[in-house]
Amino acid sequence: MVQNTSLRNIVSTLLIAYYLLNNRTSSVFANATMFRQAFRMIKYDRASNERNAIPALNIMDTALSWYRLDDGVMGGQSQTTHSSSQETGALDFKGEINTSGGGFTSIRSKIANGLPADAIAIRLTLTGDGKTYKLMLSDGSASRMGSISWQADIPTEADGREQTVTIRLSDLKPSSGPRKINLADVKPLIAAEMKEIGVMLSLKLSDGSDNPKETFGEGIFDFTLKVLSIEPVSSLDN
């Protein structure tokens, strides 16, 4: 945690210095906004989020524990308030998006043993709110600079009806946040190496294009998604 906090402090200081050097005529309001964003970045405690992960759902015989990762990590103001249903064990992913200085929320869980080697898809049962979310998979090192996560869009129904969505692993797209990647340099997704799974609501879709306001929102708005089950699939015949 100390190392991560120190790195955030250095990055925040450099961002402030760069901004001030290149915006000497900026208004007091703009400078104050920049400082508040840097302060939120420094204050954001990802390590605490991981320590307070909430148990919900299973992949095969592996119990999952979910922690939140919001745009506060980059100084944003969005918030996740996820929970687990004591009755059903379902995962409730909800909160508030604030597109001022950010625009994403997510929940993630480690998969201790990775996905089954023969998995070719992920099947989710869920109820949504009409927004388009994203499924994410990674090798668990997604916090490192330049690391890759694999993403696919999850459109949901606005009326909250229960849906079963099957996403082929071959349909997931590699992403490294805002950094552009050369697809030729990305090695293929290997199921057994996927050690983290997540669900995200973001202003960007899995292909990097904008998530339309009709399936995302604008300004400050609430969201809610309930995940009832997550299942790796080795055959699409059933």
Protein backbone atom coordinates (compact mmCIF):
# COMPACT_ATOMS: atom_id res chain seq x y z
CA MET A 1 0.00 0.00 0.00
CA VAL A 2 2.87 2.42 0.85
CA GLN A 3 4.44 1.82 -2.55
CA ASN A 4 1.16 2.40 -4.38
CA THR A 5 0.42 5.54 -2.36
CA SER A 6 3.91 6.92 -3.02
CA LEU A 7 3.51 6.28 -6.74
CA ARG A 8 0.14 8.08 -6.76
CA ASN A 9 1.72 11.02 -4.92
CA ILE A 10 4.51 11.27 -7.49
CA VAL A 11 2.12 10.99 -10.44
CA SER A 12 -0.23 13.56 -8.95
CA THR A 13 2.62 16.01 -8.28
CA LEU A 14 3.92 15.64 -11.84
CA LEU A 15 0.43 16.16 -13.27
CA ILE A 16 -0.03 19.33 -11.26
CA ALA A 17 3.40 20.66 -12.25
CA TYR A 18 2.78 19.88 -15.93
CA TYR A 19 -0.64 21.49 -15.84
CA LEU A 20 0.56 24.67 -14.16
CA LEU A 21 3.56 25.05 -16.47
CA ASN A 22 1.35 24.73 -19.54
CA ASN A 23 -1.64 26.71 -18.26
CA ARG A 24 -0.15 29.76 -16.59
CA THR A 25 -3.08 31.89 -17.65
CA SER A 26 -5.71 29.45 -16.36
CA SER A 27 -8.38 30.70 -14.02
CA VAL A 28 -8.29 30.17 -10.28
CA PHE A 29 -11.32 27.88 -10.70
CA ALA A 30 -9.51 25.63 -13.21
CA ASN A 31 -6.44 25.37 -10.98
CA ALA A 32 -8.59 24.57 -7.95
CA THR A 33 -10.36 21.82 -9.91
CA MET A 34 -7.01 20.31 -10.86
CA PHE A 35 -5.82 20.32 -7.25
CA ARG A 36 -9.05 18.70 -6.01
CA GLN A 37 -8.72 15.95 -8.60
CA ALA A 38 -5.09 15.34 -7.59
CA PHE A 39 -6.09 15.20 -3.92
CA ARG A 40 -8.77 12.59 -4.66
CA MET A 41 -6.21 10.53 -6.58
CA ILE A 42 -3.80 10.61 -3.63
CA LYS A 43 -6.55 9.79 -1.15
CA TYR A 44 -7.96 6.83 -3.09
CA ASP A 45 -7.08 3.62 -1.23
CA ARG A 46 -7.28 0.62 -3.56
CA ALA A 47 -5.47 -1.61 -1.05
CA SER A 48 -8.22 -0.97 1.51
CA ASN A 49 -10.87 -1.78 -1.10
CA GLU A 50 -9.19 -5.12 -1.77
CA ARG A 51 -8.91 -5.93 1.94
CA ASN A 52 -12.65 -5.27 2.34
CA ALA A 53 -13.74 -7.40 -0.61
CA ILE A 54 -17.28 -8.79 -0.40
CA PRO A 55 -17.84 -12.55 -0.96
CA ALA A 56 -20.47 -13.41 -3.59
CA LEU A 57 -20.92 -16.11 -6.23
CA ASN A 58 -18.57 -18.89 -7.30
CA ILE A 59 -16.72 -19.98 -10.40
CA MET A 60 -16.78 -23.76 -10.32
CA ASP A 61 -15.64 -24.52 -6.74
CA THR A 62 -13.82 -21.21 -6.32
CA ALA A 63 -15.50 -18.60 -4.11
CA LEU A 64 -15.26 -15.05 -5.41
CA SER A 65 -14.67 -11.92 -3.31
CA TRP A 66 -15.35 -8.60 -4.97
CA TYR A 67 -13.64 -5.26 -4.42
CA ARG A 68 -14.51 -1.95 -6.00
CA LEU A 69 -12.27 0.06 -8.31
CA ASP A 70 -13.74 3.40 -9.34
CA ASP A 71 -12.50 6.41 -11.26
CA GLY A 72 -11.32 7.82 -7.92
CA VAL A 73 -8.06 6.04 -8.73
CA MET A 74 -7.53 8.78 -11.33
CA GLY A 75 -9.15 11.55 -9.31
CA GLY A 76 -12.77 11.00 -10.36
CA GLN A 77 -15.88 11.17 -8.17
CA SER A 78 -17.91 8.06 -9.09
CA GLN A 79 -18.86 5.65 -6.31
CA THR A 80 -19.71 1.95 -6.08
CA THR A 81 -21.79 0.47 -3.26
CA HIS A 82 -21.79 -3.26 -4.03
CA SER A 83 -23.20 -5.94 -1.76
CA SER A 84 -24.13 -9.62 -1.57
CA SER A 85 -27.64 -10.97 -1.07
CA GLN A 86 -27.80 -13.16 2.03
CA GLU A 87 -30.78 -15.03 0.61
CA THR A 88 -29.54 -15.82 -2.90
CA GLY A 89 -25.82 -15.06 -2.81
CA ALA A 90 -26.33 -12.73 -5.80
CA LEU A 91 -23.97 -9.82 -6.39
CA ASP A 92 -25.49 -6.33 -6.38
CA PHE A 93 -23.41 -3.80 -8.33
CA LYS A 94 -24.79 -0.30 -7.94
CA GLY A 95 -23.77 3.25 -7.20
CA GLU A 96 -23.40 6.63 -8.84
CA ILE A 97 -21.44 7.75 -11.91
CA ASN A 98 -20.10 11.29 -12.04
CA THR A 99 -18.66 12.16 -15.44
CA SER A 100 -16.88 15.26 -14.11
CA GLY A 101 -13.24 14.22 -14.08
CA GLY A 102 -13.97 10.53 -14.62
CA GLY A 103 -16.67 8.17 -15.79
CA PHE A 104 -16.34 4.57 -14.65
CA THR A 105 -17.03 2.21 -11.79
CA SER A 106 -16.17 -1.47 -11.50
CA ILE A 107 -16.08 -4.49 -9.22
CA ARG A 108 -13.43 -7.18 -9.52
CA SER A 109 -12.56 -10.52 -7.99
CA LYS A 110 -9.46 -12.67 -8.03
CA ILE A 111 -9.83 -16.20 -9.42
CA ALA A 112 -7.24 -18.12 -7.44
CA ASN A 113 -6.85 -21.01 -9.88
CA GLY A 114 -7.78 -19.19 -13.06
CA LEU A 115 -10.53 -20.22 -15.44
CA PRO A 116 -10.76 -23.88 -16.48
CA ALA A 117 -8.30 -24.56 -19.28
CA ASP A 118 -11.09 -25.82 -21.55
CA ALA A 119 -13.36 -22.79 -21.03
CA ILE A 120 -14.46 -21.16 -24.27
CA ALA A 121 -17.08 -18.75 -22.89
CA ILE A 122 -18.50 -17.08 -19.78
CA ARG A 123 -22.24 -17.35 -19.08
CA LEU A 124 -23.86 -14.77 -16.80
CA THR A 125 -27.37 -14.61 -15.42
CA LEU A 126 -28.31 -11.07 -14.45
CA THR A 127 -30.88 -8.30 -14.22
CA GLY A 128 -30.03 -4.79 -15.34
CA ASP A 129 -31.25 -1.27 -15.92
CA GLY A 130 -30.90 -0.76 -19.66
CA LYS A 131 -27.26 0.31 -19.48
CA THR A 132 -24.41 -1.41 -21.31
CA TYR A 133 -21.85 -2.83 -18.91
CA LYS A 134 -18.62 -4.68 -19.64
CA LEU A 135 -17.24 -8.07 -18.62
CA MET A 136 -13.50 -7.96 -17.90
CA LEU A 137 -10.90 -10.70 -17.59
CA SER A 138 -7.20 -10.32 -16.85
CA ASP A 139 -4.20 -12.21 -15.53
CA GLY A 140 -4.56 -10.30 -12.26
CA SER A 141 -1.78 -7.79 -12.92
CA ALA A 142 -4.15 -5.18 -14.36
CA SER A 143 -2.83 -2.48 -12.02
CA ARG A 144 0.58 -2.51 -13.69
CA MET A 145 1.37 0.07 -16.34
CA GLY A 146 0.84 -1.39 -19.78
CA SER A 147 -0.98 -4.53 -18.62
CA ILE A 148 -3.88 -5.92 -20.63
CA SER A 149 -7.47 -6.67 -19.72
CA TRP A 150 -9.94 -8.43 -22.01
CA GLN A 151 -13.38 -6.86 -22.35
CA ALA A 152 -16.80 -7.50 -23.89
CA ASP A 153 -19.99 -5.45 -23.74
CA ILE A 154 -23.03 -6.61 -21.74
CA PRO A 155 -26.22 -4.86 -22.91
CA THR A 156 -29.03 -5.09 -20.34
CA GLU A 157 -32.81 -4.74 -20.43
CA ALA A 158 -34.32 -1.57 -18.97
CA ASP A 159 -37.26 -3.36 -17.38
CA GLY A 160 -35.07 -5.42 -15.05
CA ARG A 161 -36.05 -8.76 -16.58
CA GLU A 162 -33.72 -11.69 -15.95
CA GLN A 163 -31.24 -12.35 -18.79
CA THR A 164 -28.76 -15.08 -19.57
CA VAL A 165 -25.78 -13.79 -21.54
CA THR A 166 -23.09 -16.04 -23.02
CA ILE A 167 -19.85 -14.32 -24.06
CA ARG A 168 -17.30 -16.24 -26.09
CA LEU A 169 -13.75 -15.70 -24.88
CA SER A 170 -12.77 -15.24 -28.53
CA ASP A 171 -15.06 -12.17 -28.68
CA LEU A 172 -13.29 -10.32 -25.84
CA LYS A 173 -11.18 -7.37 -26.95
CA PRO A 174 -7.81 -6.43 -25.40
CA SER A 175 -7.64 -3.07 -23.64
CA SER A 176 -5.06 -1.11 -21.73
CA GLY A 177 -7.22 1.75 -20.52
CA PRO A 178 -6.63 5.00 -22.42
CA ARG A 179 -3.32 3.74 -23.84
CA LYS A 180 -3.42 2.57 -27.44
CA ILE A 181 -2.12 -0.94 -28.00
CA ASN A 182 -0.70 -2.71 -31.02
CA LEU A 183 -2.81 -5.82 -31.51
CA ALA A 184 0.18 -7.57 -33.09
CA ASP A 185 1.97 -7.33 -29.73
CA VAL A 186 -0.88 -8.88 -27.73
CA LYS A 187 -0.65 -12.60 -27.10
CA PRO A 188 -3.88 -14.62 -27.35
CA LEU A 189 -6.18 -14.93 -24.35
CA ILE A 190 -5.46 -18.19 -22.46
CA ALA A 191 -8.32 -19.21 -20.17
CA ALA A 192 -6.14 -20.80 -17.47
CA GLU A 193 -4.13 -17.57 -17.18
CA MET A 194 -7.18 -15.43 -16.44
CA LYS A 195 -6.84 -14.82 -12.68
CA GLU A 196 -9.24 -11.88 -12.27
CA ILE A 197 -12.80 -11.20 -13.40
CA GLY A 198 -14.73 -7.95 -13.25
CA VAL A 199 -17.82 -6.03 -14.28
CA MET A 200 -17.57 -2.38 -15.27
CA LEU A 201 -19.82 0.52 -16.24
CA SER A 202 -17.81 2.97 -18.31
CA LEU A 203 -18.19 5.86 -20.72
CA LYS A 204 -16.23 3.68 -23.16
CA LEU A 205 -17.37 0.41 -24.74
CA SER A 206 -15.07 -2.57 -25.18
CA ASP A 207 -13.94 -1.41 -28.64
CA GLY A 208 -12.94 2.00 -27.28
CA SER A 209 -15.89 3.87 -28.76
CA ASP A 210 -18.19 6.04 -26.66
CA ASN A 211 -20.93 4.35 -24.67
CA PRO A 212 -24.02 6.30 -25.88
CA LYS A 213 -25.93 8.30 -23.29
CA GLU A 214 -28.94 6.05 -23.96
CA THR A 215 -27.01 3.04 -22.59
CA PHE A 216 -24.71 4.89 -20.21
CA GLY A 217 -26.08 8.21 -18.99
CA GLU A 218 -24.78 11.75 -18.67
CA GLY A 219 -23.69 14.02 -15.85
CA ILE A 220 -24.42 12.41 -12.48
CA PHE A 221 -26.66 9.34 -12.45
CA ASP A 222 -27.39 6.10 -10.60
CA PHE A 223 -26.97 2.55 -11.91
CA THR A 224 -27.87 -0.93 -10.71
CA LEU A 225 -26.96 -4.42 -11.91
CA LYS A 226 -27.61 -7.73 -10.15
CA VAL A 227 -25.45 -10.70 -11.14
CA LEU A 228 -27.16 -13.96 -10.22
CA SER A 229 -24.54 -16.40 -11.50
CA ILE A 230 -21.25 -16.63 -13.39
CA GLU A 231 -20.31 -19.87 -15.14
CA PRO A 232 -17.38 -20.80 -17.36
CA VAL A 233 -18.58 -22.78 -20.38
CA SER A 234 -16.60 -25.47 -22.20
CA SER A 235 -19.27 -26.24 -24.82
CA LEU A 236 -21.94 -24.16 -26.52
CA ASP A 237 -24.05 -27.17 -27.41
CA ASN A 238 -26.20 -26.85 -24.27
